[in-house]
Amino acid sequence: MAIFVLTAVISSLLIGCVPPETKVYSEPSQTIKVKVEQGFIIALDENPTTGYTWQEEFDDGFLELVEDKYEPSSEAKEGVVGAGGTRSFEFKGLKKGKTEVTMVLKRAWEEGFLEKKVFTIDIN
């Protein structure tokens, strides 16, 4: 009986240690709420064959960019010319406060941009 109780207690403690699922955001319509050391992903459609790519701007005092990766769509993997995919930026909150992540869709060699999205982040 004692072993059963001990096993149940240890299991419940281990379940509580599992990090929450990382949420993915693609529209800045709502404030992204995370805890310090918690991650989140901003995922946006991109077609680098056009020269336009998403570029991030953020305060590195509040956020850390953990990963920036591009995943081609299934059409692109099948060889469809001009097919795009998704660019994902994984961030982690570093300290409490409010900040913003500005995503700009532009060509690196041009001054202007095609699209701009500003995400509000609340870290607690």
Protein backbone atom coordinates (compact mmCIF):
# COMPACT_ATOMS: atom_id res chain seq x y z
CA MET A 1 0.00 0.00 0.00
CA ALA A 2 2.82 2.40 0.90
CA ILE A 3 4.51 1.73 -2.44
CA PHE A 4 1.25 2.48 -4.28
CA VAL A 5 0.84 5.81 -2.44
CA LEU A 6 4.50 6.71 -3.02
CA THR A 7 4.18 5.90 -6.74
CA ALA A 8 1.05 8.06 -7.02
CA VAL A 9 2.75 11.00 -5.29
CA ILE A 10 5.87 10.78 -7.47
CA SER A 11 3.76 10.51 -10.64
CA SER A 12 1.74 13.60 -9.76
CA LEU A 13 4.94 15.54 -9.04
CA LEU A 14 6.46 14.54 -12.37
CA ILE A 15 3.31 15.51 -14.26
CA GLY A 16 3.50 18.95 -12.65
CA CYS A 17 7.07 19.37 -13.97
CA VAL A 18 6.15 18.95 -17.64
CA PRO A 19 6.42 22.33 -19.40
CA PRO A 20 3.20 23.65 -20.92
CA GLU A 21 2.77 23.27 -24.67
CA THR A 22 4.36 26.11 -26.61
CA LYS A 23 1.59 28.20 -28.18
CA VAL A 24 1.78 29.39 -31.77
CA TYR A 25 0.55 32.82 -32.88
CA SER A 26 0.12 34.17 -36.40
CA GLU A 27 -2.02 37.27 -35.88
CA PRO A 28 -1.34 40.13 -33.46
CA SER A 29 -5.02 40.52 -32.51
CA GLN A 30 -4.46 39.41 -28.91
CA THR A 31 -1.76 40.02 -26.32
CA ILE A 32 0.60 37.06 -25.95
CA LYS A 33 0.82 36.20 -22.25
CA VAL A 34 3.77 34.11 -21.05
CA LYS A 35 5.69 33.54 -17.87
CA VAL A 36 9.40 34.19 -17.39
CA GLU A 37 11.35 31.33 -19.08
CA GLN A 38 8.22 30.25 -21.03
CA GLY A 39 8.37 30.06 -24.80
CA PHE A 40 5.99 30.97 -27.61
CA ILE A 41 6.16 30.87 -31.40
CA ILE A 42 5.21 33.43 -34.02
CA ALA A 43 4.57 31.55 -37.29
CA LEU A 44 3.92 33.44 -40.53
CA ASP A 45 3.38 32.43 -44.15
CA GLU A 46 6.42 33.21 -46.28
CA ASN A 47 7.56 32.64 -49.85
CA PRO A 48 11.30 33.27 -49.99
CA THR A 49 11.36 32.61 -53.76
CA THR A 50 9.91 36.14 -54.13
CA GLY A 51 12.77 37.63 -52.13
CA TYR A 52 10.40 38.63 -49.33
CA THR A 53 11.21 37.21 -45.89
CA TRP A 54 10.01 37.99 -42.38
CA GLN A 55 12.48 39.90 -40.24
CA GLU A 56 12.04 40.30 -36.50
CA GLU A 57 12.65 43.31 -34.27
CA PHE A 58 12.43 42.95 -30.47
CA ASP A 59 13.94 44.07 -27.17
CA ASP A 60 16.52 41.44 -26.21
CA GLY A 61 16.29 42.60 -22.61
CA PHE A 62 12.81 41.03 -22.43
CA LEU A 63 12.96 38.24 -25.01
CA GLU A 64 15.42 35.72 -26.36
CA LEU A 65 15.12 34.41 -29.92
CA VAL A 66 15.52 30.66 -29.43
CA GLU A 67 15.02 29.55 -33.03
CA ASP A 68 14.25 30.97 -36.48
CA LYS A 69 13.33 28.28 -39.01
CA TYR A 70 11.59 27.94 -42.36
CA GLU A 71 9.42 24.92 -43.19
CA PRO A 72 8.44 24.51 -46.86
CA SER A 73 4.80 23.65 -47.56
CA SER A 74 3.87 20.19 -48.84
CA GLU A 75 3.53 21.70 -52.35
CA ALA A 76 7.07 23.09 -52.17
CA LYS A 77 8.37 19.71 -51.01
CA GLU A 78 6.70 18.14 -54.04
CA GLY A 79 8.57 20.53 -56.33
CA VAL A 80 5.78 23.00 -57.17
CA VAL A 81 7.54 26.10 -58.49
CA GLY A 82 6.82 29.24 -56.46
CA ALA A 83 5.21 27.43 -53.51
CA GLY A 84 5.89 28.96 -50.11
CA GLY A 85 5.88 27.74 -46.55
CA THR A 86 5.98 28.97 -42.96
CA ARG A 87 8.67 30.89 -41.09
CA SER A 88 8.60 30.27 -37.31
CA PHE A 89 10.27 32.39 -34.66
CA GLU A 90 10.48 30.82 -31.20
CA PHE A 91 10.96 33.28 -28.35
CA LYS A 92 11.43 32.88 -24.60
CA GLY A 93 10.45 35.46 -21.97
CA LEU A 94 13.42 36.66 -19.92
CA LYS A 95 11.96 39.06 -17.35
CA LYS A 96 8.62 40.48 -16.25
CA GLY A 97 7.16 43.33 -18.23
CA LYS A 98 5.45 44.31 -21.48
CA THR A 99 7.23 44.45 -24.80
CA GLU A 100 6.59 44.10 -28.52
CA VAL A 101 7.80 41.96 -31.39
CA THR A 102 7.60 43.68 -34.76
CA MET A 103 7.59 41.40 -37.80
CA VAL A 104 8.33 43.01 -41.16
CA LEU A 105 7.96 41.25 -44.52
CA LYS A 106 10.56 42.76 -46.81
CA ARG A 107 13.38 42.19 -49.22
CA ALA A 108 16.78 42.61 -47.57
CA TRP A 109 18.03 44.89 -50.36
CA GLU A 110 15.02 47.28 -50.32
CA GLU A 111 14.15 50.09 -47.91
CA GLY A 112 10.36 49.61 -47.83
CA PHE A 113 8.32 46.65 -46.64
CA LEU A 114 5.34 44.70 -47.92
CA GLU A 115 3.68 43.94 -44.57
CA LYS A 116 4.16 44.71 -40.88
CA LYS A 117 2.72 42.95 -37.82
CA VAL A 118 3.25 44.10 -34.22
CA PHE A 119 2.73 41.52 -31.46
CA THR A 120 2.29 42.67 -27.85
CA ILE A 121 3.92 40.41 -25.25
CA ASP A 122 3.05 40.42 -21.53
CA ILE A 123 5.61 38.51 -19.47
CA ASN A 124 4.72 37.73 -15.85
